[in-house]
């Protein structure tokens, strides 16, 4: 195996921290649900982060992928809102997907 070694303990710590940050971003989104998110199909009563993955793509790019469940996969405004909240909190390499 070539390339950098992966520190699994450090990644596991990051996964937990990112999960908490996504949950905080969801709580913030719930405060604004009457605004730009009103038109998207979202189950606000059970919206939550279902998991965070550490990803290395075929080009070697490393990032985290957070899955937020109880929202349609087609919720670009919710995804953008959560992504923006994470960026403001200092998480630059986290992508958001939504799913039922």
N, C-alpha and C. Protein backbone atom coordinates (compact mmCIF):
# COMPACT_ATOMS: atom_id res chain seq x y z
N UNK A 1 0.84 -1.17 0.00
CA UNK A 1 0.00 0.00 0.00
C UNK A 1 0.89 1.24 0.00
N UNK A 2 0.63 2.13 -0.90
CA UNK A 2 1.42 3.35 -0.98
C UNK A 2 0.60 4.53 -0.49
N UNK A 3 1.25 5.63 -0.29
CA UNK A 3 0.56 6.84 0.14
C UNK A 3 0.63 7.00 1.65
N UNK A 4 -0.14 7.93 2.15
CA UNK A 4 -0.15 8.21 3.58
C UNK A 4 -0.84 7.10 4.36
N UNK A 5 -0.35 6.87 5.55
CA UNK A 5 -1.00 5.92 6.44
C UNK A 5 -2.26 6.59 7.00
N UNK A 6 -3.24 5.79 7.26
CA UNK A 6 -4.50 6.30 7.78
C UNK A 6 -4.56 6.00 9.28
N UNK A 7 -4.78 7.02 10.08
CA UNK A 7 -4.90 6.88 11.52
C UNK A 7 -6.38 6.68 11.83
N UNK A 8 -6.79 5.43 12.05
CA UNK A 8 -8.21 5.13 12.24
C UNK A 8 -8.76 5.74 13.53
N UNK A 9 -7.94 5.85 14.57
CA UNK A 9 -8.41 6.47 15.80
C UNK A 9 -8.78 7.93 15.54
N UNK A 10 -7.92 8.62 14.81
CA UNK A 10 -8.17 10.03 14.50
C UNK A 10 -9.41 10.18 13.63
N UNK A 11 -9.59 9.29 12.68
CA UNK A 11 -10.77 9.34 11.82
C UNK A 11 -12.03 9.08 12.64
N UNK A 12 -12.00 8.10 13.53
CA UNK A 12 -13.17 7.83 14.37
C UNK A 12 -13.53 9.03 15.24
N UNK A 13 -12.53 9.71 15.77
CA UNK A 13 -12.78 10.93 16.54
C UNK A 13 -13.45 11.99 15.66
N UNK A 14 -12.93 12.16 14.45
CA UNK A 14 -13.50 13.14 13.52
C UNK A 14 -14.93 12.79 13.16
N UNK A 15 -15.22 11.50 12.97
CA UNK A 15 -16.58 11.08 12.63
C UNK A 15 -17.56 11.49 13.73
N UNK A 16 -17.18 11.28 14.97
CA UNK A 16 -18.04 11.66 16.10
C UNK A 16 -18.24 13.17 16.17
N UNK A 17 -17.18 13.90 15.97
CA UNK A 17 -17.26 15.37 16.03
C UNK A 17 -18.14 15.89 14.90
N UNK A 18 -17.96 15.36 13.71
CA UNK A 18 -18.75 15.80 12.56
C UNK A 18 -20.21 15.44 12.75
N UNK A 19 -20.49 14.25 13.27
CA UNK A 19 -21.88 13.85 13.54
C UNK A 19 -22.55 14.88 14.45
N UNK A 20 -21.87 15.28 15.50
CA UNK A 20 -22.41 16.30 16.41
C UNK A 20 -22.61 17.64 15.73
N UNK A 21 -21.68 18.01 14.86
CA UNK A 21 -21.79 19.27 14.15
C UNK A 21 -22.97 19.25 13.17
N UNK A 22 -23.19 18.11 12.53
CA UNK A 22 -24.34 17.99 11.62
C UNK A 22 -25.64 18.07 12.41
N UNK A 23 -25.71 17.42 13.56
CA UNK A 23 -26.92 17.51 14.40
C UNK A 23 -27.16 18.96 14.84
N UNK A 24 -26.12 19.68 15.17
CA UNK A 24 -26.27 21.10 15.53
C UNK A 24 -26.76 21.92 14.34
N UNK A 25 -26.26 21.61 13.15
CA UNK A 25 -26.71 22.31 11.94
C UNK A 25 -28.17 22.00 11.65
N UNK A 26 -28.59 20.76 11.90
CA UNK A 26 -30.00 20.39 11.72
C UNK A 26 -30.88 21.17 12.69
N UNK A 27 -30.44 21.29 13.93
CA UNK A 27 -31.20 22.08 14.92
C UNK A 27 -31.33 23.53 14.47
N UNK A 28 -30.28 24.07 13.89
CA UNK A 28 -30.33 25.44 13.36
C UNK A 28 -31.29 25.52 12.18
N UNK A 29 -31.27 24.52 11.32
CA UNK A 29 -32.17 24.49 10.16
C UNK A 29 -33.62 24.45 10.61
N UNK A 30 -33.90 23.72 11.68
CA UNK A 30 -35.27 23.62 12.18
C UNK A 30 -35.80 24.97 12.65
N UNK A 31 -34.91 25.83 13.12
CA UNK A 31 -35.32 27.18 13.52
C UNK A 31 -35.73 28.01 12.31
N UNK A 32 -35.20 27.69 11.14
CA UNK A 32 -35.43 28.47 9.92
C UNK A 32 -36.34 27.75 8.93
N UNK A 33 -37.03 26.71 9.36
CA UNK A 33 -37.79 25.90 8.41
C UNK A 33 -38.92 26.67 7.72
N UNK A 34 -39.35 27.75 8.29
CA UNK A 34 -40.40 28.54 7.63
C UNK A 34 -39.85 29.42 6.52
N UNK A 35 -38.55 29.53 6.45
CA UNK A 35 -37.93 30.40 5.45
C UNK A 35 -37.77 29.66 4.13
N UNK A 36 -36.59 29.58 3.61
CA UNK A 36 -36.33 29.03 2.28
C UNK A 36 -36.49 27.52 2.20
N UNK A 37 -36.65 26.84 3.32
CA UNK A 37 -36.74 25.38 3.31
C UNK A 37 -38.18 24.87 3.28
N UNK A 38 -39.14 25.76 3.30
CA UNK A 38 -40.56 25.39 3.38
C UNK A 38 -41.01 24.51 2.21
N UNK A 39 -40.49 24.73 1.03
CA UNK A 39 -40.96 24.04 -0.17
C UNK A 39 -40.34 22.65 -0.37
N UNK A 40 -39.40 22.26 0.46
CA UNK A 40 -38.73 20.96 0.28
C UNK A 40 -39.40 19.89 1.14
N UNK A 41 -39.35 18.65 0.65
CA UNK A 41 -39.97 17.51 1.34
C UNK A 41 -39.07 17.05 2.48
N UNK A 42 -39.42 17.48 3.70
CA UNK A 42 -38.60 17.19 4.88
C UNK A 42 -39.52 16.76 6.02
N UNK A 43 -39.19 15.68 6.69
CA UNK A 43 -39.89 15.25 7.89
C UNK A 43 -39.17 15.87 9.08
N UNK A 44 -39.58 17.07 9.46
CA UNK A 44 -38.89 17.81 10.50
C UNK A 44 -38.92 17.10 11.84
N UNK A 45 -39.92 16.25 12.07
CA UNK A 45 -40.06 15.57 13.34
C UNK A 45 -39.00 14.51 13.60
N UNK A 46 -38.39 13.99 12.54
CA UNK A 46 -37.40 12.92 12.71
C UNK A 46 -36.12 13.16 11.92
N UNK A 47 -35.91 14.37 11.46
CA UNK A 47 -34.71 14.70 10.68
C UNK A 47 -33.47 14.53 11.56
N UNK A 48 -32.50 13.75 11.07
CA UNK A 48 -31.30 13.51 11.88
C UNK A 48 -30.15 13.03 11.00
N UNK A 49 -28.97 13.10 11.57
CA UNK A 49 -27.77 12.58 10.89
C UNK A 49 -27.72 11.08 11.15
N UNK A 50 -27.77 10.31 10.08
CA UNK A 50 -27.80 8.85 10.19
C UNK A 50 -26.40 8.24 10.17
N UNK A 51 -25.41 9.04 9.83
CA UNK A 51 -24.05 8.52 9.83
C UNK A 51 -23.11 9.40 9.03
N UNK A 52 -21.84 9.23 9.32
CA UNK A 52 -20.78 9.98 8.63
C UNK A 52 -19.75 8.96 8.17
N UNK A 53 -19.35 9.09 6.93
CA UNK A 53 -18.33 8.20 6.36
C UNK A 53 -17.08 8.99 6.01
N UNK A 54 -15.93 8.34 6.15
CA UNK A 54 -14.68 8.89 5.66
C UNK A 54 -14.47 8.29 4.28
N UNK A 55 -14.25 9.12 3.27
CA UNK A 55 -14.19 8.67 1.88
C UNK A 55 -12.83 9.04 1.28
N UNK A 56 -12.26 8.10 0.55
CA UNK A 56 -11.11 8.37 -0.31
C UNK A 56 -11.56 8.00 -1.71
N UNK A 57 -11.70 8.99 -2.59
CA UNK A 57 -12.20 8.68 -3.93
C UNK A 57 -11.07 8.14 -4.82
N UNK A 58 -11.40 7.81 -6.06
CA UNK A 58 -10.43 7.19 -6.96
C UNK A 58 -9.26 8.11 -7.29
N UNK A 59 -9.43 9.41 -7.07
CA UNK A 59 -8.35 10.37 -7.32
C UNK A 59 -7.54 10.66 -6.07
N UNK A 60 -7.88 9.97 -4.97
CA UNK A 60 -7.14 10.18 -3.73
C UNK A 60 -7.67 11.32 -2.87
N UNK A 61 -8.74 11.98 -3.31
CA UNK A 61 -9.33 13.06 -2.52
C UNK A 61 -9.99 12.46 -1.28
N UNK A 62 -9.73 13.07 -0.14
CA UNK A 62 -10.28 12.61 1.13
C UNK A 62 -11.31 13.61 1.63
N UNK A 63 -12.46 13.09 2.03
CA UNK A 63 -13.52 13.95 2.57
C UNK A 63 -14.46 13.11 3.42
N UNK A 64 -15.36 13.79 4.10
CA UNK A 64 -16.36 13.12 4.92
C UNK A 64 -17.72 13.30 4.24
N UNK A 65 -18.55 12.27 4.33
CA UNK A 65 -19.88 12.29 3.73
C UNK A 65 -20.89 12.01 4.83
N UNK A 66 -21.74 13.00 5.11
CA UNK A 66 -22.76 12.86 6.15
C UNK A 66 -24.11 12.62 5.49
N UNK A 67 -24.82 11.59 5.97
CA UNK A 67 -26.15 11.28 5.46
C UNK A 67 -27.18 11.77 6.46
N UNK A 68 -28.08 12.64 5.98
CA UNK A 68 -29.16 13.17 6.79
C UNK A 68 -30.44 12.51 6.31
N UNK A 69 -31.09 11.77 7.21
CA UNK A 69 -32.30 11.05 6.81
C UNK A 69 -33.56 11.79 7.23
N UNK A 70 -34.64 11.38 6.58
CA UNK A 70 -35.98 11.96 6.72
C UNK A 70 -36.12 13.24 5.92
N UNK A 71 -35.42 13.28 4.79
CA UNK A 71 -35.57 14.37 3.82
C UNK A 71 -35.37 13.78 2.44
N UNK A 72 -36.09 14.31 1.49
CA UNK A 72 -35.96 13.84 0.11
C UNK A 72 -34.52 13.99 -0.38
N UNK A 73 -34.06 13.07 -1.22
CA UNK A 73 -32.73 13.24 -1.81
C UNK A 73 -32.63 14.52 -2.64
N UNK A 74 -33.77 15.07 -3.02
CA UNK A 74 -33.80 16.30 -3.80
C UNK A 74 -34.16 17.49 -2.90
N UNK A 75 -33.28 17.80 -1.98
CA UNK A 75 -33.44 18.95 -1.07
C UNK A 75 -32.20 19.84 -1.15
N UNK A 76 -31.99 20.49 -2.29
CA UNK A 76 -30.76 21.27 -2.43
C UNK A 76 -30.63 22.42 -1.44
N UNK A 77 -31.75 23.03 -1.05
CA UNK A 77 -31.66 24.15 -0.10
C UNK A 77 -31.29 23.67 1.30
N UNK A 78 -31.86 22.53 1.71
CA UNK A 78 -31.48 21.96 3.01
C UNK A 78 -30.02 21.55 2.99
N UNK A 79 -29.59 20.88 1.94
CA UNK A 79 -28.20 20.47 1.83
C UNK A 79 -27.27 21.68 1.88
N UNK A 80 -27.63 22.73 1.15
CA UNK A 80 -26.80 23.95 1.13
C UNK A 80 -26.79 24.62 2.50
N UNK A 81 -27.94 24.64 3.18
CA UNK A 81 -28.00 25.25 4.50
C UNK A 81 -27.09 24.50 5.47
N UNK A 82 -27.19 23.17 5.48
CA UNK A 82 -26.35 22.37 6.38
C UNK A 82 -24.88 22.52 6.04
N UNK A 83 -24.58 22.49 4.74
CA UNK A 83 -23.19 22.66 4.29
C UNK A 83 -22.65 24.02 4.74
N UNK A 84 -23.45 25.07 4.59
CA UNK A 84 -23.03 26.41 5.01
C UNK A 84 -22.79 26.48 6.50
N UNK A 85 -23.66 25.86 7.28
CA UNK A 85 -23.48 25.84 8.74
C UNK A 85 -22.19 25.13 9.12
N UNK A 86 -21.91 24.02 8.43
CA UNK A 86 -20.68 23.29 8.71
C UNK A 86 -19.44 24.10 8.32
N UNK A 87 -19.52 24.79 7.20
CA UNK A 87 -18.40 25.64 6.78
C UNK A 87 -18.14 26.73 7.80
N UNK A 88 -19.20 27.35 8.31
CA UNK A 88 -19.05 28.40 9.32
C UNK A 88 -18.42 27.85 10.60
N UNK A 89 -18.67 26.57 10.87
CA UNK A 89 -18.10 25.93 12.06
C UNK A 89 -16.70 25.40 11.82
N UNK A 90 -16.19 25.56 10.59
CA UNK A 90 -14.83 25.16 10.30
C UNK A 90 -14.66 23.80 9.64
N UNK A 91 -15.76 23.18 9.23
CA UNK A 91 -15.69 21.88 8.57
C UNK A 91 -15.76 22.08 7.06
N UNK A 92 -14.58 22.08 6.43
CA UNK A 92 -14.49 22.40 5.01
C UNK A 92 -14.61 21.19 4.10
N UNK A 93 -14.37 20.01 4.61
CA UNK A 93 -14.34 18.84 3.74
C UNK A 93 -15.45 17.84 4.07
N UNK A 94 -16.65 18.37 4.35
CA UNK A 94 -17.81 17.54 4.64
C UNK A 94 -18.87 17.79 3.58
N UNK A 95 -19.34 16.71 2.96
CA UNK A 95 -20.43 16.80 2.00
C UNK A 95 -21.70 16.23 2.65
N UNK A 96 -22.84 16.76 2.25
CA UNK A 96 -24.13 16.35 2.81
C UNK A 96 -24.97 15.69 1.74
N UNK A 97 -25.56 14.54 2.07
CA UNK A 97 -26.58 13.94 1.22
C UNK A 97 -27.82 13.73 2.09
N UNK A 98 -28.98 13.81 1.47
CA UNK A 98 -30.23 13.58 2.18
C UNK A 98 -30.90 12.34 1.61
N UNK A 99 -31.64 11.65 2.47
CA UNK A 99 -32.29 10.41 2.06
C UNK A 99 -33.49 10.15 2.97
N UNK A 100 -34.40 9.35 2.46
CA UNK A 100 -35.54 8.93 3.29
C UNK A 100 -35.10 7.78 4.15
